[in-house]
């Protein structure tokens, strides 16, 4: 584990209890039976009942457990031991069967066996990965023949254009194309919680072409790629939260902010 990954692991261990009590994750609502899944993935992935589902970079497992409530047999993996401990605790407390594995993503073949009907990952995952080619290979390794891979995440353009909360008129830019060295980030937590977190974290940018090609290169067949003018978090200061749970720009939104891809492994 290199120094960048160690710094990110420290961050995720530190932020897990902050997220547990945040309004953003609404763990209290989840305990009452609410789902953490959003309309895009529910509409596009559809029925998971009776299927095995592997959730990559699951954090503390709310989406994993939400898929279990939909009838899937779920396994969630994350490199944060604090997040996995919390996921296991929620699974036991709520009586939702699930398996959670503590593993850095690239080490997963050493820590998990078997194949799954569905491999799923979502919202804020790709920026933490330094090598998408290896990511694609791991997805293919754990998919059954004819199995489905599905991702929904922030659009790569979000890495290029960002706005400051302190000065909404200011605009910054980061690289769009991948570079081996990550971008150092010391911004506040996306939940908006005023917690004293230890900076920095390190993030990698990937173009939309990189993402698609990593899946094709691993032997998967792209079924669709969709783009949306909404976001799962407040990406820009001007965004407002709609009743449907999506953040939208009041100007109407003329940029792709979220994307989704569905791919299958040939039989």
C-alpha atoms as a PDB file:
ATOM      1  CA  UNK A   1       0.000   0.000   0.000  1.00  0.00           C
ATOM      2  CA  UNK A   2       1.659   3.240  -1.120  1.00  0.00           C
ATOM      3  CA  UNK A   3       1.638   6.519   0.788  1.00  0.00           C
ATOM      4  CA  UNK A   4      -1.269   7.934  -1.242  1.00  0.00           C
ATOM      5  CA  UNK A   5      -3.497   4.972  -0.454  1.00  0.00           C
ATOM      6  CA  UNK A   6      -2.442   5.050   3.213  1.00  0.00           C
ATOM      7  CA  UNK A   7      -3.467   8.709   3.430  1.00  0.00           C
ATOM      8  CA  UNK A   8      -6.822   7.932   1.824  1.00  0.00           C
ATOM      9  CA  UNK A   9      -7.380   4.973   4.147  1.00  0.00           C
ATOM     10  CA  UNK A  10      -6.693   7.207   7.146  1.00  0.00           C
ATOM     11  CA  UNK A  11      -9.246   9.674   5.807  1.00  0.00           C
ATOM     12  CA  UNK A  12     -11.976   7.057   5.302  1.00  0.00           C
ATOM     13  CA  UNK A  13     -11.438   5.562   8.742  1.00  0.00           C
ATOM     14  CA  UNK A  14     -11.658   9.030  10.229  1.00  0.00           C
ATOM     15  CA  UNK A  15     -14.704  10.098   8.256  1.00  0.00           C
ATOM     16  CA  UNK A  16     -16.822   6.963   8.815  1.00  0.00           C
ATOM     17  CA  UNK A  17     -18.253   8.016  12.221  1.00  0.00           C
ATOM     18  CA  UNK A  18     -18.850  11.513  10.812  1.00  0.00           C
ATOM     19  CA  UNK A  19     -20.847  10.032   7.953  1.00  0.00           C
ATOM     20  CA  UNK A  20     -22.753   7.716  10.279  1.00  0.00           C
ATOM     21  CA  UNK A  21     -24.258  10.683  12.121  1.00  0.00           C
ATOM     22  CA  UNK A  22     -24.650  12.969   9.090  1.00  0.00           C
ATOM     23  CA  UNK A  23     -27.966  14.009   7.574  1.00  0.00           C
ATOM     24  CA  UNK A  24     -26.471  13.192   4.163  1.00  0.00           C
ATOM     25  CA  UNK A  25     -26.510   9.440   4.885  1.00  0.00           C
ATOM     26  CA  UNK A  26     -29.597   9.497   7.148  1.00  0.00           C
ATOM     27  CA  UNK A  27     -28.773   6.286   8.997  1.00  0.00           C
ATOM     28  CA  UNK A  28     -31.779   6.838  11.265  1.00  0.00           C
ATOM     29  CA  UNK A  29     -34.061   6.782   8.226  1.00  0.00           C
ATOM     30  CA  UNK A  30     -32.337   3.672   6.930  1.00  0.00           C
ATOM     31  CA  UNK A  31     -32.980   1.963  10.265  1.00  0.00           C
ATOM     32  CA  UNK A  32     -36.669   2.794   9.816  1.00  0.00           C
ATOM     33  CA  UNK A  33     -36.663   1.016   6.456  1.00  0.00           C
ATOM     34  CA  UNK A  34     -35.710   3.755   3.989  1.00  0.00           C
ATOM     35  CA  UNK A  35     -33.531   2.857   1.006  1.00  0.00           C
ATOM     36  CA  UNK A  36     -30.295   4.665   0.218  1.00  0.00           C
ATOM     37  CA  UNK A  37     -30.589   3.800  -3.485  1.00  0.00           C
ATOM     38  CA  UNK A  38     -31.467   6.507  -5.985  1.00  0.00           C
ATOM     39  CA  UNK A  39     -33.833   6.513  -8.929  1.00  0.00           C
ATOM     40  CA  UNK A  40     -31.164   6.142 -11.633  1.00  0.00           C
ATOM     41  CA  UNK A  41     -29.710   2.858 -10.415  1.00  0.00           C
ATOM     42  CA  UNK A  42     -33.122   1.509  -9.410  1.00  0.00           C
ATOM     43  CA  UNK A  43     -34.537   2.161 -12.874  1.00  0.00           C
ATOM     44  CA  UNK A  44     -31.490   0.972 -14.797  1.00  0.00           C
ATOM     45  CA  UNK A  45     -30.401  -2.082 -12.813  1.00  0.00           C
ATOM     46  CA  UNK A  46     -34.001  -3.120 -12.072  1.00  0.00           C
ATOM     47  CA  UNK A  47     -34.819  -6.470 -10.506  1.00  0.00           C
ATOM     48  CA  UNK A  48     -32.005  -7.980  -8.441  1.00  0.00           C
ATOM     49  CA  UNK A  49     -34.134 -10.495  -6.550  1.00  0.00           C
ATOM     50  CA  UNK A  50     -32.465 -13.893  -6.247  1.00  0.00           C
ATOM     51  CA  UNK A  51     -29.194 -12.650  -7.739  1.00  0.00           C
ATOM     52  CA  UNK A  52     -25.738 -12.480  -6.204  1.00  0.00           C
ATOM     53  CA  UNK A  53     -24.361  -8.947  -6.073  1.00  0.00           C
ATOM     54  CA  UNK A  54     -20.829  -7.747  -5.355  1.00  0.00           C
ATOM     55  CA  UNK A  55     -20.601  -4.094  -4.289  1.00  0.00           C
ATOM     56  CA  UNK A  56     -17.158  -2.564  -4.828  1.00  0.00           C
ATOM     57  CA  UNK A  57     -16.053   0.320  -2.569  1.00  0.00           C
ATOM     58  CA  UNK A  58     -19.197  -0.012  -0.482  1.00  0.00           C
ATOM     59  CA  UNK A  59     -18.182   2.419   2.335  1.00  0.00           C
ATOM     60  CA  UNK A  60     -20.304   1.388   5.348  1.00  0.00           C
ATOM     61  CA  UNK A  61     -22.766  -0.598   3.317  1.00  0.00           C
ATOM     62  CA  UNK A  62     -26.047   1.307   3.109  1.00  0.00           C
ATOM     63  CA  UNK A  63     -26.415   0.684  -0.631  1.00  0.00           C
ATOM     64  CA  UNK A  64     -25.266  -2.915  -0.177  1.00  0.00           C
ATOM     65  CA  UNK A  65     -27.917  -3.518   2.464  1.00  0.00           C
ATOM     66  CA  UNK A  66     -30.519  -1.675   0.379  1.00  0.00           C
ATOM     67  CA  UNK A  67     -29.906  -4.146  -2.472  1.00  0.00           C
ATOM     68  CA  UNK A  68     -30.287  -6.958   0.065  1.00  0.00           C
ATOM     69  CA  UNK A  69     -33.684  -5.527   0.999  1.00  0.00           C
ATOM     70  CA  UNK A  70     -34.507  -5.804  -2.714  1.00  0.00           C
ATOM     71  CA  UNK A  71     -33.811  -9.547  -2.579  1.00  0.00           C
ATOM     72  CA  UNK A  72     -30.163  -9.790  -3.678  1.00  0.00           C
ATOM     73  CA  UNK A  73     -27.558 -11.932  -1.934  1.00  0.00           C
ATOM     74  CA  UNK A  74     -24.956  -9.251  -1.279  1.00  0.00           C
ATOM     75  CA  UNK A  75     -21.240  -8.940  -0.638  1.00  0.00           C
ATOM     76  CA  UNK A  76     -19.696  -5.532   0.001  1.00  0.00           C
ATOM     77  CA  UNK A  77     -15.997  -4.717  -0.026  1.00  0.00           C
ATOM     78  CA  UNK A  78     -14.130  -1.657   1.189  1.00  0.00           C
ATOM     79  CA  UNK A  79     -10.579  -0.941   2.310  1.00  0.00           C
ATOM     80  CA  UNK A  80     -11.675   0.935   5.452  1.00  0.00           C
ATOM     81  CA  UNK A  81     -11.794  -1.356   8.488  1.00  0.00           C
ATOM     82  CA  UNK A  82     -13.918   1.211  10.345  1.00  0.00           C
ATOM     83  CA  UNK A  83     -16.454   1.294   7.517  1.00  0.00           C
ATOM     84  CA  UNK A  84     -16.601  -2.505   7.275  1.00  0.00           C
ATOM     85  CA  UNK A  85     -17.051  -2.789  11.055  1.00  0.00           C
ATOM     86  CA  UNK A  86     -20.005  -0.386  10.860  1.00  0.00           C
ATOM     87  CA  UNK A  87     -21.494  -2.228   7.862  1.00  0.00           C
ATOM     88  CA  UNK A  88     -21.330  -5.538   9.711  1.00  0.00           C
ATOM     89  CA  UNK A  89     -22.882  -3.936  12.793  1.00  0.00           C
ATOM     90  CA  UNK A  90     -25.817  -2.538  10.796  1.00  0.00           C
ATOM     91  CA  UNK A  91     -26.316  -5.888   9.058  1.00  0.00           C
ATOM     92  CA  UNK A  92     -26.518  -7.677  12.399  1.00  0.00           C
ATOM     93  CA  UNK A  93     -28.640  -5.012  14.109  1.00  0.00           C
ATOM     94  CA  UNK A  94     -31.224  -4.870  11.327  1.00  0.00           C
ATOM     95  CA  UNK A  95     -31.218  -8.574  10.503  1.00  0.00           C
ATOM     96  CA  UNK A  96     -30.248  -7.994   6.874  1.00  0.00           C
ATOM     97  CA  UNK A  97     -28.049 -10.861   5.638  1.00  0.00           C
ATOM     98  CA  UNK A  98     -24.847  -9.593   4.016  1.00  0.00           C
ATOM     99  CA  UNK A  99     -21.168 -10.423   3.746  1.00  0.00           C
ATOM    100  CA  UNK A 100     -18.632  -7.616   4.156  1.00  0.00           C
ATOM    101  CA  UNK A 101     -14.963  -7.975   3.261  1.00  0.00           C
ATOM    102  CA  UNK A 102     -12.191  -5.586   4.246  1.00  0.00           C
ATOM    103  CA  UNK A 103      -9.927  -5.279   1.217  1.00  0.00           C
ATOM    104  CA  UNK A 104      -8.158  -2.680  -0.872  1.00  0.00           C
ATOM    105  CA  UNK A 105      -9.763  -3.048  -4.297  1.00  0.00           C
ATOM    106  CA  UNK A 106      -6.649  -4.166  -6.164  1.00  0.00           C
ATOM    107  CA  UNK A 107      -6.027  -6.846  -3.515  1.00  0.00           C
ATOM    108  CA  UNK A 108      -9.528  -8.270  -3.824  1.00  0.00           C
ATOM    109  CA  UNK A 109      -8.518 -11.412  -5.774  1.00  0.00           C
ATOM    110  CA  UNK A 110      -6.397 -12.346  -2.730  1.00  0.00           C
ATOM    111  CA  UNK A 111      -9.284 -11.815  -0.307  1.00  0.00           C
ATOM    112  CA  UNK A 112     -12.411 -13.058  -2.084  1.00  0.00           C
ATOM    113  CA  UNK A 113     -13.378 -16.032  -4.224  1.00  0.00           C
ATOM    114  CA  UNK A 114     -16.353 -16.815  -6.423  1.00  0.00           C
ATOM    115  CA  UNK A 115     -18.309 -15.122  -9.201  1.00  0.00           C
ATOM    116  CA  UNK A 116     -21.395 -12.923  -9.071  1.00  0.00           C
ATOM    117  CA  UNK A 117     -24.433 -12.192 -11.209  1.00  0.00           C
ATOM    118  CA  UNK A 118     -23.953  -8.448 -10.687  1.00  0.00           C
ATOM    119  CA  UNK A 119     -20.957  -6.266  -9.871  1.00  0.00           C
ATOM    120  CA  UNK A 120     -22.103  -2.815  -8.722  1.00  0.00           C
ATOM    121  CA  UNK A 121     -20.315   0.411  -7.762  1.00  0.00           C
ATOM    122  CA  UNK A 122     -21.559   3.966  -7.360  1.00  0.00           C
ATOM    123  CA  UNK A 123     -21.067   7.658  -6.576  1.00  0.00           C
ATOM    124  CA  UNK A 124     -17.603   8.955  -5.889  1.00  0.00           C
ATOM    125  CA  UNK A 125     -15.641   5.756  -6.446  1.00  0.00           C
ATOM    126  CA  UNK A 126     -13.426   6.217  -9.499  1.00  0.00           C
ATOM    127  CA  UNK A 127     -11.403   9.176  -8.207  1.00  0.00           C
ATOM    128  CA  UNK A 128      -9.849   6.894  -5.576  1.00  0.00           C
ATOM    129  CA  UNK A 129      -8.459   4.466  -8.159  1.00  0.00           C
ATOM    130  CA  UNK A 130      -5.035   4.884  -9.749  1.00  0.00           C
ATOM    131  CA  UNK A 131      -5.368   2.155 -12.399  1.00  0.00           C
ATOM    132  CA  UNK A 132      -8.614   1.641 -14.302  1.00  0.00           C
ATOM    133  CA  UNK A 133      -7.195  -1.123 -16.484  1.00  0.00           C
ATOM    134  CA  UNK A 134      -6.692  -3.270 -13.390  1.00  0.00           C
ATOM    135  CA  UNK A 135     -10.116  -2.175 -12.112  1.00  0.00           C
ATOM    136  CA  UNK A 136     -11.733  -3.516 -15.284  1.00  0.00           C
ATOM    137  CA  UNK A 137      -9.855  -6.801 -14.959  1.00  0.00           C
ATOM    138  CA  UNK A 138     -11.075  -7.259 -11.386  1.00  0.00           C
ATOM    139  CA  UNK A 139     -14.672  -6.597 -12.442  1.00  0.00           C
ATOM    140  CA  UNK A 140     -14.392  -9.219 -15.186  1.00  0.00           C
ATOM    141  CA  UNK A 141     -12.715 -11.655 -12.776  1.00  0.00           C
ATOM    142  CA  UNK A 142     -15.699 -11.589 -10.391  1.00  0.00           C
ATOM    143  CA  UNK A 143     -18.516 -11.555 -12.954  1.00  0.00           C
ATOM    144  CA  UNK A 144     -20.230 -14.764 -13.975  1.00  0.00           C
ATOM    145  CA  UNK A 145     -20.572 -15.385 -17.721  1.00  0.00           C
ATOM    146  CA  UNK A 146     -23.587 -13.304 -18.879  1.00  0.00           C
ATOM    147  CA  UNK A 147     -23.252 -11.310 -15.646  1.00  0.00           C
ATOM    148  CA  UNK A 148     -23.921  -7.562 -15.408  1.00  0.00           C
ATOM    149  CA  UNK A 149     -21.611  -4.765 -14.354  1.00  0.00           C
ATOM    150  CA  UNK A 150     -23.208  -1.443 -13.434  1.00  0.00           C
ATOM    151  CA  UNK A 151     -21.712   1.879 -12.373  1.00  0.00           C
ATOM    152  CA  UNK A 152     -23.262   5.269 -11.667  1.00  0.00           C
ATOM    153  CA  UNK A 153     -20.850   8.023 -10.659  1.00  0.00           C
ATOM    154  CA  UNK A 154     -19.989  11.678 -10.966  1.00  0.00           C
ATOM    155  CA  UNK A 155     -19.174  12.645 -14.542  1.00  0.00           C
ATOM    156  CA  UNK A 156     -15.451  13.171 -15.286  1.00  0.00           C
ATOM    157  CA  UNK A 157     -16.251  16.808 -16.119  1.00  0.00           C
ATOM    158  CA  UNK A 158     -16.703  17.377 -12.378  1.00  0.00           C
ATOM    159  CA  UNK A 159     -12.934  16.914 -12.069  1.00  0.00           C
ATOM    160  CA  UNK A 160     -12.382  19.723 -14.555  1.00  0.00           C
ATOM    161  CA  UNK A 161     -14.780  22.424 -13.356  1.00  0.00           C
ATOM    162  CA  UNK A 162     -15.389  23.223  -9.718  1.00  0.00           C
ATOM    163  CA  UNK A 163     -16.655  26.205  -7.777  1.00  0.00           C
ATOM    164  CA  UNK A 164     -15.683  27.636  -4.418  1.00  0.00           C
ATOM    165  CA  UNK A 165     -18.268  27.873  -1.642  1.00  0.00           C
ATOM    166  CA  UNK A 166     -16.495  30.992  -0.370  1.00  0.00           C
ATOM    167  CA  UNK A 167     -16.665  32.651  -3.793  1.00  0.00           C
ATOM    168  CA  UNK A 168     -19.316  31.104  -6.088  1.00  0.00           C
ATOM    169  CA  UNK A 169     -18.030  33.204  -8.993  1.00  0.00           C
ATOM    170  CA  UNK A 170     -14.597  31.626  -8.824  1.00  0.00           C
ATOM    171  CA  UNK A 171     -13.881  28.612 -10.975  1.00  0.00           C
ATOM    172  CA  UNK A 172     -11.006  26.177 -10.773  1.00  0.00           C
ATOM    173  CA  UNK A 173      -9.802  23.441 -13.062  1.00  0.00           C
ATOM    174  CA  UNK A 174      -8.125  20.078 -12.664  1.00  0.00           C
ATOM    175  CA  UNK A 175      -6.792  17.771 -15.391  1.00  0.00           C
ATOM    176  CA  UNK A 176      -9.385  15.898 -17.428  1.00  0.00           C
ATOM    177  CA  UNK A 177      -6.988  13.242 -18.664  1.00  0.00           C
ATOM    178  CA  UNK A 178      -5.389  10.731 -16.337  1.00  0.00           C
ATOM    179  CA  UNK A 179      -1.936  11.377 -14.894  1.00  0.00           C
ATOM    180  CA  UNK A 180       0.062   8.881 -12.793  1.00  0.00           C
ATOM    181  CA  UNK A 181       0.458  11.397  -9.975  1.00  0.00           C
ATOM    182  CA  UNK A 182      -2.776  12.127  -8.118  1.00  0.00           C
ATOM    183  CA  UNK A 183      -4.350  15.481  -7.347  1.00  0.00           C
ATOM    184  CA  UNK A 184      -3.925  16.566  -3.717  1.00  0.00           C
ATOM    185  CA  UNK A 185      -7.262  17.563  -2.198  1.00  0.00           C
ATOM    186  CA  UNK A 186      -7.847  19.494   1.036  1.00  0.00           C
ATOM    187  CA  UNK A 187     -11.482  20.486   0.474  1.00  0.00           C
ATOM    188  CA  UNK A 188     -14.234  19.996   3.034  1.00  0.00           C
ATOM    189  CA  UNK A 189     -16.170  16.750   3.273  1.00  0.00           C
ATOM    190  CA  UNK A 190     -18.949  16.322   0.713  1.00  0.00           C
ATOM    191  CA  UNK A 191     -21.557  15.734   3.428  1.00  0.00           C
ATOM    192  CA  UNK A 192     -21.158  19.313   4.608  1.00  0.00           C
ATOM    193  CA  UNK A 193     -20.447  18.219   8.175  1.00  0.00           C
ATOM    194  CA  UNK A 194     -18.228  20.651  10.072  1.00  0.00           C
ATOM    195  CA  UNK A 195     -15.868  17.982  11.328  1.00  0.00           C
ATOM    196  CA  UNK A 196     -12.148  18.372  11.915  1.00  0.00           C
ATOM    197  CA  UNK A 197     -10.818  15.907   9.366  1.00  0.00           C
ATOM    198  CA  UNK A 198      -7.159  15.289   8.675  1.00  0.00           C
ATOM    199  CA  UNK A 199      -6.204  16.454   5.175  1.00  0.00           C
ATOM    200  CA  UNK A 200      -5.148  15.723   2.557  1.00  0.00           C
ATOM    201  CA  UNK A 201      -6.591  13.031   0.338  1.00  0.00           C
ATOM    202  CA  UNK A 202      -5.277  12.028  -3.072  1.00  0.00           C
ATOM    203  CA  UNK A 203      -7.472  11.557  -6.138  1.00  0.00           C
ATOM    204  CA  UNK A 204      -6.948  10.435  -9.721  1.00  0.00           C
ATOM    205  CA  UNK A 205      -8.761  11.789 -12.760  1.00  0.00           C
ATOM    206  CA  UNK A 206     -10.060   9.539 -15.539  1.00  0.00           C
ATOM    207  CA  UNK A 207     -11.657  10.570 -18.812  1.00  0.00           C
ATOM    208  CA  UNK A 208     -14.924   9.049 -19.948  1.00  0.00           C
ATOM    209  CA  UNK A 209     -12.956   7.292 -22.669  1.00  0.00           C
ATOM    210  CA  UNK A 210     -10.635   5.753 -20.057  1.00  0.00           C
ATOM    211  CA  UNK A 211     -13.619   4.383 -18.155  1.00  0.00           C
ATOM    212  CA  UNK A 212     -15.271   2.857 -21.206  1.00  0.00           C
ATOM    213  CA  UNK A 213     -12.060   1.447 -22.643  1.00  0.00           C
ATOM    214  CA  UNK A 214     -11.071  -0.177 -19.322  1.00  0.00           C
ATOM    215  CA  UNK A 215     -14.288  -2.223 -19.450  1.00  0.00           C
ATOM    216  CA  UNK A 216     -13.991  -3.068 -23.145  1.00  0.00           C
ATOM    217  CA  UNK A 217     -10.345  -3.996 -22.621  1.00  0.00           C
ATOM    218  CA  UNK A 218     -11.371  -6.422 -19.888  1.00  0.00           C
ATOM    219  CA  UNK A 219     -13.665  -8.204 -22.346  1.00  0.00           C
ATOM    220  CA  UNK A 220     -16.987  -6.688 -21.305  1.00  0.00           C
ATOM    221  CA  UNK A 221     -19.664  -5.544 -23.751  1.00  0.00           C
ATOM    222  CA  UNK A 222     -21.076  -2.059 -23.194  1.00  0.00           C
ATOM    223  CA  UNK A 223     -24.874  -2.125 -23.158  1.00  0.00           C
ATOM    224  CA  UNK A 224     -25.378   1.606 -22.598  1.00  0.00           C
ATOM    225  CA  UNK A 225     -23.760   4.819 -21.414  1.00  0.00           C
ATOM    226  CA  UNK A 226     -26.097   7.509 -20.082  1.00  0.00           C
ATOM    227  CA  UNK A 227     -25.414  11.060 -18.903  1.00  0.00           C
ATOM    228  CA  UNK A 228     -27.556  13.161 -16.552  1.00  0.00           C
ATOM    229  CA  UNK A 229     -27.693  16.855 -15.484  1.00  0.00           C
ATOM    230  CA  UNK A 230     -28.182  15.939 -11.806  1.00  0.00           C
ATOM    231  CA  UNK A 231     -25.858  15.013  -8.964  1.00  0.00           C
ATOM    232  CA  UNK A 232     -26.031  12.847  -5.844  1.00  0.00           C
ATOM    233  CA  UNK A 233     -24.270  15.545  -3.826  1.00  0.00           C
ATOM    234  CA  UNK A 234     -23.965  19.350  -3.936  1.00  0.00           C
ATOM    235  CA  UNK A 235     -21.258  19.625  -6.569  1.00  0.00           C
ATOM    236  CA  UNK A 236     -21.740  23.391  -7.177  1.00  0.00           C
ATOM    237  CA  UNK A 237     -22.763  26.086  -4.647  1.00  0.00           C
ATOM    238  CA  UNK A 238     -25.755  27.138  -6.772  1.00  0.00           C
ATOM    239  CA  UNK A 239     -27.304  23.659  -6.690  1.00  0.00           C
ATOM    240  CA  UNK A 240     -30.618  23.049  -4.944  1.00  0.00           C
ATOM    241  CA  UNK A 241     -31.918  19.749  -3.565  1.00  0.00           C
ATOM    242  CA  UNK A 242     -35.135  18.622  -5.236  1.00  0.00           C
ATOM    243  CA  UNK A 243     -37.855  16.533  -3.635  1.00  0.00           C
ATOM    244  CA  UNK A 244     -36.653  13.565  -5.681  1.00  0.00           C
ATOM    245  CA  UNK A 245     -33.312  13.615  -3.836  1.00  0.00           C
ATOM    246  CA  UNK A 246     -31.183  15.001  -6.689  1.00  0.00           C
ATOM    247  CA  UNK A 247     -29.104  18.169  -6.638  1.00  0.00           C
ATOM    248  CA  UNK A 248     -29.848  20.366  -9.655  1.00  0.00           C
ATOM    249  CA  UNK A 249     -28.624  23.687 -10.992  1.00  0.00           C
ATOM    250  CA  UNK A 250     -31.374  26.333 -10.797  1.00  0.00           C
ATOM    251  CA  UNK A 251     -30.288  27.560 -14.233  1.00  0.00           C
ATOM    252  CA  UNK A 252     -31.539  24.276 -15.682  1.00  0.00           C
ATOM    253  CA  UNK A 253     -28.279  22.427 -15.962  1.00  0.00           C
ATOM    254  CA  UNK A 254     -26.477  22.272 -19.280  1.00  0.00           C
ATOM    255  CA  UNK A 255     -23.596  20.006 -18.238  1.00  0.00           C
ATOM    256  CA  UNK A 256     -23.450  16.243 -17.753  1.00  0.00           C
ATOM    257  CA  UNK A 257     -22.902  15.816 -14.023  1.00  0.00           C
ATOM    258  CA  UNK A 258     -23.603  12.105 -13.533  1.00  0.00           C
ATOM    259  CA  UNK A 259     -23.060   9.151 -15.849  1.00  0.00           C
ATOM    260  CA  UNK A 260     -24.007   5.490 -15.795  1.00  0.00           C
ATOM    261  CA  UNK A 261     -22.720   2.447 -17.658  1.00  0.00           C
ATOM    262  CA  UNK A 262     -24.122  -1.036 -17.928  1.00  0.00           C
ATOM    263  CA  UNK A 263     -21.902  -3.772 -19.339  1.00  0.00           C
ATOM    264  CA  UNK A 264     -22.130  -7.548 -19.596  1.00  0.00           C
ATOM    265  CA  UNK A 265     -19.629 -10.358 -19.631  1.00  0.00           C
ATOM    266  CA  UNK A 266     -20.009 -12.602 -22.693  1.00  0.00           C
ATOM    267  CA  UNK A 267     -21.362 -16.073 -21.988  1.00  0.00           C
END
